[in-house]
Amino acid sequence: MVYDTSDNFVFSAIRGIQAGREYYVVMCPLKLIPRIFLFNESEIPAKLRAQRVLNKHRIPEMATYITSNREKYVFSSITSSVDGNVHFIPYEKEGHLSKVGTLLIPIDSRFLINDGQHRRAAIEKALSIRPDLGSETISVVFYVDRGLKHSQQMFSDLNKYAIRPSTSLNLLYDHRDSFSQALLEIIEKVPIFSSGLSELEKTSISNRANKVFTLNSIYSATRELLGKTTKKCNMTEAEKELSVHFWNEIYSNMPDWKDIVNGNNSSALARDKYIHVYGITLHAFGMVGRELIKAYPNNWKNKLKSISKINWGRSNPDFKGEIIIGKRISKSHGSIIWLFDYIKYHIGILSNNKELSTKIKGGKNE
C-alpha cells in the first residue's frame, strides 16, 4: 500500500546496499509521479542538475506509446536521488524481512531524477489523456543523497556503460512495427537477403563478415521502393508481393550476387571489388524502383535488365569523387542521389543530372 500523509510520502519498500550505501525500491502509482517530481529540471543550475535538459519533442511520442498500448506498454524504473530525512522501518529486525518494510520520505525533501526524466514527463502527459492509468505502478529506485552531492556522478555512472540497441536489432524485435515484421517475411523470399546473408542485429558489416546487407539497409531501401515517408507505416499484401518481385528481379540481373548466394564468391571479397554490396546501392535501387514502376508499370522488369551491364567495380572511374571518396564508399545523401541518377541513365530513364550525363558521354564508362 502507498499513500502520502501531511508530512511524509509512505511506501512499502525493499532496502538494498550498493557501495556501502542504502537505497530503496518502491512501487509508485503513476498518479504520484508528477506530484513527487514537481519541479522543472531545466531551471536547475547545471552544477546541480542530474540529467540532460528535457527534450520535449520526445514526450508526445512516449505518451502515445503508453496510451496506445494500454495492455502491453513497458516502462523501466525511474532512478532518483533524494535529499531528506528518509526513514526506513523494517518488518522484522533480523532475517530476510529485515530488508522489507515501510519507507517514509518527508514531502519537503528534494528529489532529482538521475535516470527517467522523459519517462516522468511522458507519464504526466499520458495521465492527462487517460486518467485511469493513475492506479498503475512504476518502480522507483531512491538513493539517499544528502545535499544531492552525488547525483551528477550517479547520472554519469548509470549512462557510462549503457548501449542503445542498434537500429537493425530494434527492427528485428519490434513486433508492433508491422512494416518491419512484413520485411522479415520478404527477406526469406529473396536469395541475396536470406540464407544467412543478412545482418539482422548490427547496422554495419565488418570487412571479413559473410553478410551482404543489414536489416536496416533493406528496411530503408524497401521504404524508398514503396514510397513510405512516415515514421510508422504499414505494408499491404500487394506491397509485400511487389517488394518480393522487385528485389528478386534485381537479384536475377546481378550475376555477382548470384555468385555469393551459390558460394562461388564471398561477400567479403565482393566488398573489396564492388560497390553493389553496400547499403548505398540498395538504397538507390529502391529509389529507382519506385520511379521505374510508376513510369513503366507493365515493362519495368525489362528495363531492369540493363543493370547487369553496369560496371559496378570500385575501379570504375565514374565513381571516383562521387561514390568512392579516397578509398572509402561514401554513404552521404549526395552520393545516393548521384547513384540513383547513374542507374536511371543506364536503364534508359531520363535524368535531370546534366553533369552526370556529360561525364558518361565523355567516354569514361566505355
Protein backbone atom coordinates (compact mmCIF):
# COMPACT_ATOMS: atom_id res chain seq x y z
CA MET A 1 0.00 0.00 0.00
CA VAL A 2 1.21 3.50 -0.84
CA TYR A 3 -0.16 6.79 0.43
CA ASP A 4 1.03 10.22 1.50
CA THR A 5 0.39 11.89 4.84
CA SER A 6 0.60 15.57 5.68
CA ASP A 7 4.28 15.11 6.50
CA ASN A 8 5.58 12.11 4.56
CA PHE A 9 5.27 10.01 1.46
CA VAL A 10 4.89 6.47 2.80
CA PHE A 11 5.83 3.45 0.69
CA SER A 12 6.21 -0.25 1.12
CA ALA A 13 9.83 -0.76 0.12
CA ILE A 14 12.74 -3.11 -0.31
CA ARG A 15 16.09 -1.99 1.09
CA GLY A 16 19.35 -2.72 -0.71
CA ILE A 17 23.03 -1.91 -0.35
CA GLN A 18 25.43 -0.71 -3.05
CA ALA A 19 28.92 0.58 -2.36
CA GLY A 20 28.07 0.58 1.33
CA ARG A 21 25.12 2.94 0.83
CA GLU A 22 21.45 2.14 1.29
CA TYR A 23 18.92 2.51 -1.47
CA TYR A 24 15.23 1.64 -1.68
CA VAL A 25 12.98 0.19 -4.36
CA VAL A 26 9.29 1.08 -4.25
CA MET A 27 6.25 0.54 -6.47
CA CYS A 28 4.86 4.01 -7.08
CA PRO A 29 1.40 4.68 -8.56
CA LEU A 30 1.71 6.66 -11.78
CA LYS A 31 -0.54 9.39 -10.39
CA LEU A 32 2.09 10.14 -7.72
CA ILE A 33 4.98 10.56 -10.13
CA PRO A 34 4.12 14.16 -11.16
CA ARG A 35 3.48 15.01 -7.50
CA ILE A 36 6.79 13.69 -6.21
CA PHE A 37 8.91 15.10 -9.03
CA LEU A 38 7.31 18.51 -9.18
CA PHE A 39 9.98 20.81 -10.46
CA ASN A 40 11.27 21.63 -13.92
CA GLU A 41 14.83 20.35 -14.01
CA SER A 42 15.74 22.68 -16.88
CA GLU A 43 15.50 25.54 -14.38
CA ILE A 44 18.08 23.95 -12.06
CA PRO A 45 21.67 25.24 -12.43
CA ALA A 46 23.87 22.89 -14.44
CA LYS A 47 26.16 22.42 -11.42
CA LEU A 48 23.28 20.77 -9.54
CA ARG A 49 21.28 19.28 -12.42
CA ALA A 50 21.46 15.47 -12.53
CA GLN A 51 20.09 14.95 -16.05
CA ARG A 52 20.16 16.35 -19.55
CA VAL A 53 17.77 19.19 -20.32
CA LEU A 54 14.42 17.66 -21.20
CA ASN A 55 13.90 17.01 -24.91
CA LYS A 56 10.25 18.00 -25.16
CA HIS A 57 9.88 16.59 -28.67
CA ARG A 58 10.20 13.05 -27.29
CA ILE A 59 7.34 13.37 -24.82
CA PRO A 60 4.24 13.15 -27.11
CA GLU A 61 5.59 10.01 -28.80
CA MET A 62 6.35 8.34 -25.47
CA ALA A 63 2.94 9.29 -24.06
CA THR A 64 1.22 7.93 -27.17
CA TYR A 65 3.17 4.71 -26.74
CA ILE A 66 1.63 4.27 -23.29
CA THR A 67 -1.93 5.20 -24.21
CA SER A 68 -1.92 3.25 -27.48
CA ASN A 69 -0.53 0.11 -25.89
CA ARG A 70 -2.67 0.18 -22.78
CA GLU A 71 -2.31 -3.55 -22.12
CA LYS A 72 1.26 -4.05 -23.39
CA TYR A 73 3.39 -1.00 -22.59
CA VAL A 74 6.60 -1.43 -20.60
CA PHE A 75 8.49 1.28 -18.69
CA SER A 76 11.68 0.60 -16.74
CA SER A 77 12.44 2.04 -13.31
CA ILE A 78 12.94 5.70 -12.54
CA THR A 79 16.13 6.30 -10.56
CA SER A 80 16.18 9.26 -8.21
CA SER A 81 18.35 10.92 -5.60
CA VAL A 82 16.52 12.17 -2.53
CA ASP A 83 17.77 14.76 -0.07
CA GLY A 84 15.73 14.48 3.10
CA ASN A 85 15.41 12.70 6.45
CA VAL A 86 14.45 9.36 4.94
CA HIS A 87 13.41 6.75 7.49
CA PHE A 88 13.07 3.01 6.87
CA ILE A 89 11.12 0.79 9.27
CA PRO A 90 11.82 -2.93 8.64
CA TYR A 91 9.08 -5.50 9.17
CA GLU A 92 11.48 -7.55 11.28
CA LYS A 93 14.82 -6.78 12.94
CA GLU A 94 16.59 -9.84 11.52
CA GLY A 95 16.23 -12.28 8.65
CA HIS A 96 15.06 -11.68 5.11
CA LEU A 97 12.14 -9.49 6.24
CA SER A 98 14.63 -7.03 7.69
CA LYS A 99 15.13 -5.82 4.11
CA VAL A 100 11.41 -5.27 3.56
CA GLY A 101 9.47 -2.57 5.31
CA THR A 102 7.99 0.92 5.24
CA LEU A 103 9.83 3.89 3.79
CA LEU A 104 8.97 7.39 4.96
CA ILE A 105 10.17 10.32 2.86
CA PRO A 106 9.31 13.85 4.06
CA ILE A 107 7.23 15.63 1.46
CA ASP A 108 9.55 18.65 1.64
CA SER A 109 12.53 16.53 0.53
CA ARG A 110 14.35 17.45 -2.66
CA PHE A 111 14.24 14.90 -5.49
CA LEU A 112 16.44 14.71 -8.56
CA ILE A 113 15.86 12.19 -11.35
CA ASN A 114 19.11 10.52 -12.32
CA ASP A 115 17.52 8.29 -14.95
CA GLY A 116 13.99 8.62 -16.28
CA GLN A 117 13.11 12.29 -16.64
CA HIS A 118 11.49 11.66 -20.05
CA ARG A 119 9.51 8.75 -18.58
CA ARG A 120 8.30 11.06 -15.83
CA ALA A 121 7.15 13.71 -18.34
CA ALA A 122 5.54 11.09 -20.60
CA ILE A 123 3.64 9.63 -17.64
CA GLU A 124 2.28 13.07 -16.77
CA LYS A 125 1.21 13.60 -20.39
CA ALA A 126 -0.37 10.14 -20.60
CA LEU A 127 -2.32 10.74 -17.38
CA SER A 128 -3.87 13.87 -18.89
CA ILE A 129 -5.20 11.67 -21.69
CA ARG A 130 -6.00 8.52 -19.71
CA PRO A 131 -6.51 9.35 -16.01
CA ASP A 132 -7.36 5.68 -15.35
CA LEU A 133 -3.63 4.95 -15.69
CA GLY A 134 -3.10 6.58 -12.31
CA SER A 135 -3.54 3.40 -10.29
CA GLU A 136 -0.90 1.51 -12.28
CA THR A 137 2.63 1.49 -10.93
CA ILE A 138 6.22 2.06 -11.94
CA SER A 139 9.21 1.02 -9.89
CA VAL A 140 11.26 3.87 -8.46
CA VAL A 141 14.74 3.46 -7.00
CA PHE A 142 15.55 6.05 -4.34
CA TYR A 143 19.16 6.74 -3.38
CA VAL A 144 19.62 8.82 -0.23
CA ASP A 145 21.96 11.66 -1.18
CA ARG A 146 22.42 14.37 1.43
CA GLY A 147 22.82 17.71 -0.29
CA LEU A 148 22.46 15.94 -3.65
CA LYS A 149 26.26 15.81 -3.84
CA HIS A 150 26.46 12.51 -5.70
CA SER A 151 23.61 12.90 -8.19
CA GLN A 152 25.69 14.02 -11.18
CA GLN A 153 28.21 11.21 -10.69
CA MET A 154 25.30 8.77 -10.47
CA PHE A 155 23.95 10.03 -13.78
CA SER A 156 27.37 9.59 -15.37
CA ASP A 157 27.81 6.11 -13.91
CA LEU A 158 24.32 4.97 -14.92
CA ASN A 159 24.85 6.04 -18.54
CA LYS A 160 28.55 5.24 -18.96
CA TYR A 161 28.04 1.63 -19.95
CA ALA A 162 24.54 1.89 -21.42
CA ILE A 163 24.47 0.88 -25.08
CA ARG A 164 21.49 1.69 -27.26
CA PRO A 165 20.31 -1.29 -29.30
CA SER A 166 21.15 -0.97 -32.98
CA THR A 167 18.50 0.12 -35.50
CA SER A 168 18.57 -3.35 -37.05
CA LEU A 169 18.00 -5.03 -33.68
CA ASN A 170 15.13 -2.66 -32.88
CA LEU A 171 13.52 -3.53 -36.21
CA LEU A 172 14.00 -7.24 -35.59
CA TYR A 173 12.44 -7.17 -32.12
CA ASP A 174 9.69 -4.57 -32.61
CA HIS A 175 6.59 -6.68 -33.15
CA ARG A 176 4.41 -3.57 -33.14
CA ASP A 177 6.11 -2.32 -36.32
CA SER A 178 4.06 -4.14 -38.94
CA PHE A 179 6.32 -2.89 -41.73
CA SER A 180 9.45 -4.43 -40.22
CA GLN A 181 7.63 -7.68 -39.48
CA ALA A 182 6.45 -7.87 -43.11
CA LEU A 183 10.02 -7.15 -44.19
CA LEU A 184 11.25 -10.21 -42.32
CA GLU A 185 8.90 -12.30 -44.48
CA ILE A 186 10.23 -10.64 -47.64
CA ILE A 187 13.82 -11.34 -46.65
CA GLU A 188 13.18 -15.07 -46.61
CA LYS A 189 11.89 -14.94 -50.20
CA VAL A 190 14.86 -13.08 -51.72
CA PRO A 191 18.06 -15.18 -52.04
CA ILE A 192 20.54 -12.35 -51.53
CA PHE A 193 18.72 -11.32 -48.34
CA SER A 194 18.11 -14.81 -46.94
CA SER A 195 20.33 -17.87 -46.42
CA GLY A 196 22.06 -16.18 -43.50
CA LEU A 197 23.37 -13.37 -45.71
CA SER A 198 21.55 -10.55 -43.91
CA GLU A 199 22.95 -8.92 -40.78
CA LEU A 200 19.85 -8.76 -38.57
CA GLU A 201 21.40 -7.28 -35.43
CA LYS A 202 24.07 -4.75 -36.37
CA THR A 203 23.92 -1.63 -38.54
CA SER A 204 27.31 -2.26 -40.11
CA ILE A 205 29.18 -5.23 -41.52
CA SER A 206 32.82 -5.92 -40.76
CA ASN A 207 35.25 -6.38 -43.64
CA ARG A 208 35.60 -10.15 -43.19
CA ALA A 209 31.95 -10.94 -42.36
CA ASN A 210 29.97 -13.25 -44.62
CA LYS A 211 26.91 -10.98 -44.58
CA VAL A 212 25.85 -8.79 -47.51
CA PHE A 213 23.24 -6.29 -46.32
CA THR A 214 22.00 -5.16 -42.91
CA LEU A 215 18.35 -5.36 -41.95
CA ASN A 216 18.41 -1.59 -41.56
CA SER A 217 19.61 -1.15 -45.17
CA ILE A 218 16.94 -3.48 -46.53
CA TYR A 219 14.33 -1.67 -44.45
CA SER A 220 15.34 1.78 -45.74
CA ALA A 221 15.58 0.62 -49.35
CA THR A 222 12.16 -1.04 -49.25
CA ARG A 223 10.61 2.08 -47.73
CA GLU A 224 12.05 4.01 -50.68
CA LEU A 225 10.68 1.45 -53.12
CA LEU A 226 7.17 1.73 -51.68
CA GLY A 227 7.32 5.49 -51.12
CA LYS A 228 6.79 5.27 -47.36
CA THR A 229 7.59 8.63 -45.79
CA THR A 230 6.00 8.48 -42.33
CA LYS A 231 7.94 7.08 -39.39
CA LYS A 232 5.35 4.41 -38.66
CA CYS A 233 3.76 2.76 -41.67
CA ASN A 234 2.08 -0.44 -42.75
CA MET A 235 2.70 -2.73 -45.70
CA THR A 236 -0.23 -4.19 -47.61
CA GLU A 237 -0.15 -7.68 -49.07
CA ALA A 238 0.09 -6.15 -52.55
CA GLU A 239 3.09 -4.06 -51.47
CA LYS A 240 4.71 -7.10 -49.90
CA GLU A 241 4.27 -9.06 -53.13
CA LEU A 242 5.64 -6.18 -55.20
CA SER A 243 8.68 -5.90 -52.93
CA VAL A 244 9.47 -9.58 -53.30
CA HIS A 245 9.14 -9.38 -57.10
CA PHE A 246 11.26 -6.26 -57.35
CA TRP A 247 14.14 -7.43 -55.19
CA ASN A 248 14.16 -10.81 -56.90
CA GLU A 249 14.24 -9.08 -60.27
CA ILE A 250 17.26 -7.05 -59.14
CA TYR A 251 18.87 -10.26 -57.92
CA SER A 252 18.26 -12.07 -61.22
CA ASN A 253 20.16 -9.33 -63.07
CA MET A 254 23.14 -9.21 -60.71
CA PRO A 255 25.49 -12.13 -61.57
CA ASP A 256 27.87 -11.20 -58.75
CA TRP A 257 25.06 -11.52 -56.21
CA LYS A 258 24.26 -14.98 -57.58
CA ASP A 259 27.90 -15.99 -57.14
CA ILE A 260 27.72 -15.04 -53.47
CA VAL A 261 24.49 -16.96 -52.91
CA ASN A 262 25.82 -20.02 -54.75
CA GLY A 263 29.08 -19.96 -52.83
CA ASN A 264 31.25 -19.10 -55.83
CA ASN A 265 32.36 -15.85 -54.22
CA SER A 266 32.35 -14.41 -50.71
CA SER A 267 30.70 -11.19 -49.65
CA ALA A 268 34.00 -10.13 -48.06
CA LEU A 269 35.86 -10.39 -51.37
CA ALA A 270 32.96 -8.72 -53.18
CA ARG A 271 33.18 -5.72 -50.83
CA ASP A 272 36.81 -5.27 -51.85
CA LYS A 273 35.92 -5.16 -55.56
CA TYR A 274 32.39 -3.80 -55.98
CA ILE A 275 30.03 -1.12 -54.72
CA HIS A 276 26.85 -3.13 -55.30
CA VAL A 277 27.17 -4.98 -51.98
CA TYR A 278 26.85 -1.79 -49.94
CA GLY A 279 23.70 -0.26 -48.49
CA ILE A 280 24.09 2.86 -50.63
CA THR A 281 23.44 0.81 -53.78
CA LEU A 282 20.46 -0.96 -52.24
CA HIS A 283 19.01 2.42 -51.24
CA ALA A 284 19.50 3.77 -54.77
CA PHE A 285 17.84 0.65 -56.22
CA GLY A 286 14.80 1.29 -54.02
CA MET A 287 14.56 4.87 -55.29
CA VAL A 288 14.95 3.72 -58.89
CA GLY A 289 12.31 1.04 -58.40
CA ARG A 290 9.69 3.48 -57.19
CA GLU A 291 10.22 5.77 -60.18
CA LEU A 292 10.56 2.92 -62.68
CA ILE A 293 7.40 1.08 -61.67
CA LYS A 294 5.43 4.31 -61.75
CA ALA A 295 6.69 5.25 -65.23
CA TYR A 296 6.63 1.73 -66.73
CA PRO A 297 4.05 -0.32 -64.80
CA ASN A 298 3.95 -3.02 -67.47
CA ASN A 299 7.57 -3.02 -68.63
CA TRP A 300 9.69 -2.27 -65.56
CA LYS A 301 11.22 -5.75 -65.43
CA ASN A 302 12.64 -5.43 -68.95
CA LYS A 303 14.11 -2.06 -68.08
CA LEU A 304 15.95 -3.55 -65.11
CA LYS A 305 17.87 -6.00 -67.29
CA SER A 306 20.33 -3.24 -68.15
CA ILE A 307 21.71 -3.11 -64.60
CA SER A 308 23.70 -6.26 -65.42
CA LYS A 309 25.75 -4.21 -67.92
CA ILE A 310 26.79 -1.56 -65.39
CA ASN A 311 30.42 -1.66 -64.30
CA TRP A 312 29.93 -1.97 -60.54
CA GLY A 313 33.64 -2.22 -59.81
CA ARG A 314 35.30 0.15 -57.38
CA SER A 315 37.78 0.81 -60.19
CA ASN A 316 35.08 2.35 -62.41
CA PRO A 317 36.37 5.92 -62.96
CA ASP A 318 32.79 7.23 -62.97
CA PHE A 319 32.59 6.51 -59.23
CA LYS A 320 35.70 8.44 -58.27
CA GLY A 321 34.77 11.50 -56.25
CA GLU A 322 31.09 10.54 -56.36
CA ILE A 323 30.80 7.13 -54.68
CA ILE A 324 34.46 6.46 -53.92
CA ILE A 325 35.93 9.20 -51.75
CA GLY A 326 39.59 8.44 -51.24
CA LYS A 327 39.41 4.68 -50.70
CA ARG A 328 36.08 4.61 -48.92
CA ILE A 329 32.49 4.13 -50.05
CA SER A 330 30.56 7.34 -49.41
CA LYS A 331 27.25 7.00 -47.57
CA SER A 332 26.21 10.62 -48.00
CA HIS A 333 22.81 11.65 -49.30
CA GLY A 334 24.50 13.34 -52.26
CA SER A 335 26.23 10.08 -53.22
CA ILE A 336 22.95 8.17 -53.03
CA ILE A 337 21.25 10.70 -55.30
CA TRP A 338 24.16 10.56 -57.74
CA LEU A 339 23.98 6.76 -57.89
CA PHE A 340 20.20 6.95 -58.28
CA ASP A 341 20.69 9.12 -61.37
CA TYR A 342 23.53 6.93 -62.60
CA ILE A 343 21.38 3.79 -62.53
CA LYS A 344 18.48 5.61 -64.18
CA TYR A 345 20.76 6.73 -67.00
CA HIS A 346 21.87 3.16 -67.69
CA ILE A 347 18.40 1.66 -67.71
CA GLY A 348 17.08 4.33 -70.05
CA ILE A 349 15.16 6.67 -67.75
CA LEU A 350 15.78 10.32 -68.49
CA SER A 351 17.89 12.00 -65.83
CA ASN A 352 18.00 15.68 -64.92
CA ASN A 353 21.63 15.34 -63.89
CA LYS A 354 23.32 17.03 -66.86
CA GLU A 355 26.75 16.86 -65.25
CA LEU A 356 26.39 13.09 -64.87
CA SER A 357 25.25 12.66 -68.47
CA THR A 358 28.18 14.72 -69.75
CA LYS A 359 30.61 12.68 -67.65
CA ILE A 360 29.37 9.36 -69.02
CA LYS A 361 29.08 10.55 -72.61
CA GLY A 362 32.64 11.75 -72.32
CA GLY A 363 33.66 8.12 -72.58
CA LYS A 364 34.63 7.31 -69.01
CA ASN A 365 32.27 4.37 -68.82
CA GLU A 366 33.08 2.86 -72.16
